[in-house]
Amino acid sequence: MKPSRAVCQSCAAPILKDYDKGTEKDGSSTELYCRRCFSWGGFTEPRMTAEEMHEIVRTRMIGLKFPRFLAKLSANGVYDLKRWAVSKA
């Protein structure tokens, strides 16, 4: 199996294995979202805002010992992901 270089279009987490992929309503895998964000055809946290996801990503990266400036910079990329780009329109 060739490793994927995809990232979740909700949280920017890497999707490295089939196991990491979310699922559509019919149970098939989706290439767009990880299993933590998207399951059985819907978002696991449908009311979450882009700002809330930004804070979750920033906090997670700090917890993983990334420098704070890098965590903030990376978390800013959330706003460019497919799920959140729609809310900017």
C-alpha atoms as a PDB file:
ATOM      1  CA  MET A   1       0.000   0.000   0.000  1.00  0.00           C
ATOM      2  CA  LYS A   2       1.363   3.388  -1.009  1.00  0.00           C
ATOM      3  CA  PRO A   3       1.264   5.910   1.853  1.00  0.00           C
ATOM      4  CA  SER A   4      -1.078   8.864   1.388  1.00  0.00           C
ATOM      5  CA  ARG A   5       0.085  12.454   1.631  1.00  0.00           C
ATOM      6  CA  ALA A   6      -3.432  13.715   2.154  1.00  0.00           C
ATOM      7  CA  VAL A   7      -4.514  15.882   5.048  1.00  0.00           C
ATOM      8  CA  CYS A   8      -7.963  16.099   6.568  1.00  0.00           C
ATOM      9  CA  GLN A   9      -9.851  19.021   5.074  1.00  0.00           C
ATOM     10  CA  SER A  10     -11.338  19.787   8.487  1.00  0.00           C
ATOM     11  CA  CYS A  11      -8.458  19.535  10.989  1.00  0.00           C
ATOM     12  CA  ALA A  12      -5.350  19.243   8.763  1.00  0.00           C
ATOM     13  CA  ALA A  13      -4.290  15.966  10.393  1.00  0.00           C
ATOM     14  CA  PRO A  14      -2.320  13.721   8.056  1.00  0.00           C
ATOM     15  CA  ILE A  15      -4.268  10.830   6.571  1.00  0.00           C
ATOM     16  CA  LEU A  16      -1.528   8.231   6.388  1.00  0.00           C
ATOM     17  CA  LYS A  17      -3.479   4.957   6.277  1.00  0.00           C
ATOM     18  CA  ASP A  18      -6.908   3.770   5.212  1.00  0.00           C
ATOM     19  CA  TYR A  19      -7.713   3.458   8.911  1.00  0.00           C
ATOM     20  CA  ASP A  20      -7.345   7.242   9.269  1.00  0.00           C
ATOM     21  CA  LYS A  21     -10.001   8.006   6.638  1.00  0.00           C
ATOM     22  CA  GLY A  22     -13.537   9.058   7.472  1.00  0.00           C
ATOM     23  CA  THR A  23     -16.526   7.144   6.119  1.00  0.00           C
ATOM     24  CA  GLU A  24     -19.389   8.030   3.808  1.00  0.00           C
ATOM     25  CA  LYS A  25     -23.023   7.036   4.516  1.00  0.00           C
ATOM     26  CA  ASP A  26     -22.539   3.744   2.666  1.00  0.00           C
ATOM     27  CA  GLY A  27     -19.445   2.892   4.725  1.00  0.00           C
ATOM     28  CA  SER A  28     -16.945   3.620   1.970  1.00  0.00           C
ATOM     29  CA  SER A  29     -13.853   5.693   2.765  1.00  0.00           C
ATOM     30  CA  THR A  30     -13.585   9.376   2.012  1.00  0.00           C
ATOM     31  CA  GLU A  31     -10.328  10.915   0.873  1.00  0.00           C
ATOM     32  CA  LEU A  32     -11.221  14.360   2.245  1.00  0.00           C
ATOM     33  CA  TYR A  33     -11.679  13.914   5.986  1.00  0.00           C
ATOM     34  CA  CYS A  34     -10.157  11.897   8.826  1.00  0.00           C
ATOM     35  CA  ARG A  35     -12.147   9.476  10.959  1.00  0.00           C
ATOM     36  CA  ARG A  36     -12.086  11.862  13.923  1.00  0.00           C
ATOM     37  CA  CYS A  37     -13.851  14.612  11.938  1.00  0.00           C
ATOM     38  CA  PHE A  38     -16.142  12.689   9.569  1.00  0.00           C
ATOM     39  CA  SER A  39     -18.046   9.464  10.170  1.00  0.00           C
ATOM     40  CA  TRP A  40     -20.923   7.764   8.308  1.00  0.00           C
ATOM     41  CA  GLY A  41     -21.476  10.704   5.985  1.00  0.00           C
ATOM     42  CA  GLY A  42     -21.453  13.526   8.517  1.00  0.00           C
ATOM     43  CA  PHE A  43     -19.146  15.613  10.636  1.00  0.00           C
ATOM     44  CA  THR A  44     -18.645  14.293  14.156  1.00  0.00           C
ATOM     45  CA  GLU A  45     -18.946  17.864  15.468  1.00  0.00           C
ATOM     46  CA  PRO A  46     -21.349  19.514  12.991  1.00  0.00           C
ATOM     47  CA  ARG A  47     -21.731  22.737  14.996  1.00  0.00           C
ATOM     48  CA  MET A  48     -18.010  23.355  15.355  1.00  0.00           C
ATOM     49  CA  THR A  49     -16.751  26.637  13.923  1.00  0.00           C
ATOM     50  CA  ALA A  50     -13.517  27.329  12.088  1.00  0.00           C
ATOM     51  CA  GLU A  51     -12.350  29.370  15.072  1.00  0.00           C
ATOM     52  CA  GLU A  52     -12.941  26.443  17.428  1.00  0.00           C
ATOM     53  CA  MET A  53     -11.044  24.089  15.118  1.00  0.00           C
ATOM     54  CA  HIS A  54      -8.209  26.627  14.896  1.00  0.00           C
ATOM     55  CA  GLU A  55      -7.909  26.595  18.691  1.00  0.00           C
ATOM     56  CA  ILE A  56      -8.035  22.783  18.866  1.00  0.00           C
ATOM     57  CA  VAL A  57      -5.274  22.438  16.268  1.00  0.00           C
ATOM     58  CA  ARG A  58      -3.113  25.110  17.944  1.00  0.00           C
ATOM     59  CA  THR A  59      -3.539  23.510  21.376  1.00  0.00           C
ATOM     60  CA  ARG A  60      -2.859  20.001  20.030  1.00  0.00           C
ATOM     61  CA  MET A  61       0.348  21.145  18.351  1.00  0.00           C
ATOM     62  CA  ILE A  62       1.561  22.877  21.512  1.00  0.00           C
ATOM     63  CA  GLY A  63       0.811  19.649  23.391  1.00  0.00           C
ATOM     64  CA  LEU A  64       2.984  17.806  20.870  1.00  0.00           C
ATOM     65  CA  LYS A  65       5.833  20.195  21.790  1.00  0.00           C
ATOM     66  CA  PHE A  66       5.777  22.291  18.603  1.00  0.00           C
ATOM     67  CA  PRO A  67       7.046  25.853  19.190  1.00  0.00           C
ATOM     68  CA  ARG A  68       4.114  28.200  19.900  1.00  0.00           C
ATOM     69  CA  PHE A  69       4.779  30.407  16.868  1.00  0.00           C
ATOM     70  CA  LEU A  70       4.782  27.353  14.590  1.00  0.00           C
ATOM     71  CA  ALA A  71       1.601  25.996  16.191  1.00  0.00           C
ATOM     72  CA  LYS A  72      -0.165  29.316  15.606  1.00  0.00           C
ATOM     73  CA  LEU A  73       1.103  29.577  12.040  1.00  0.00           C
ATOM     74  CA  SER A  74       0.065  26.028  11.217  1.00  0.00           C
ATOM     75  CA  ALA A  75      -3.349  26.452  12.879  1.00  0.00           C
ATOM     76  CA  ASN A  76      -3.978  29.486  10.657  1.00  0.00           C
ATOM     77  CA  GLY A  77      -3.978  27.058   7.725  1.00  0.00           C
ATOM     78  CA  VAL A  78      -7.287  25.643   9.005  1.00  0.00           C
ATOM     79  CA  TYR A  79      -9.122  28.541   7.371  1.00  0.00           C
ATOM     80  CA  ASP A  80      -7.944  27.386   3.931  1.00  0.00           C
ATOM     81  CA  LEU A  81      -9.246  23.827   4.318  1.00  0.00           C
ATOM     82  CA  LYS A  82     -12.260  22.720   2.288  1.00  0.00           C
ATOM     83  CA  ARG A  83     -14.671  22.465   5.224  1.00  0.00           C
ATOM     84  CA  TRP A  84     -13.970  25.986   6.437  1.00  0.00           C
ATOM     85  CA  ALA A  85     -13.438  27.734   3.091  1.00  0.00           C
ATOM     86  CA  VAL A  86     -17.185  27.373   2.484  1.00  0.00           C
ATOM     87  CA  SER A  87     -17.957  29.327   5.649  1.00  0.00           C
ATOM     88  CA  LYS A  88     -15.814  32.268   4.446  1.00  0.00           C
ATOM     89  CA  ALA A  89     -18.074  32.855   1.427  1.00  0.00           C
END
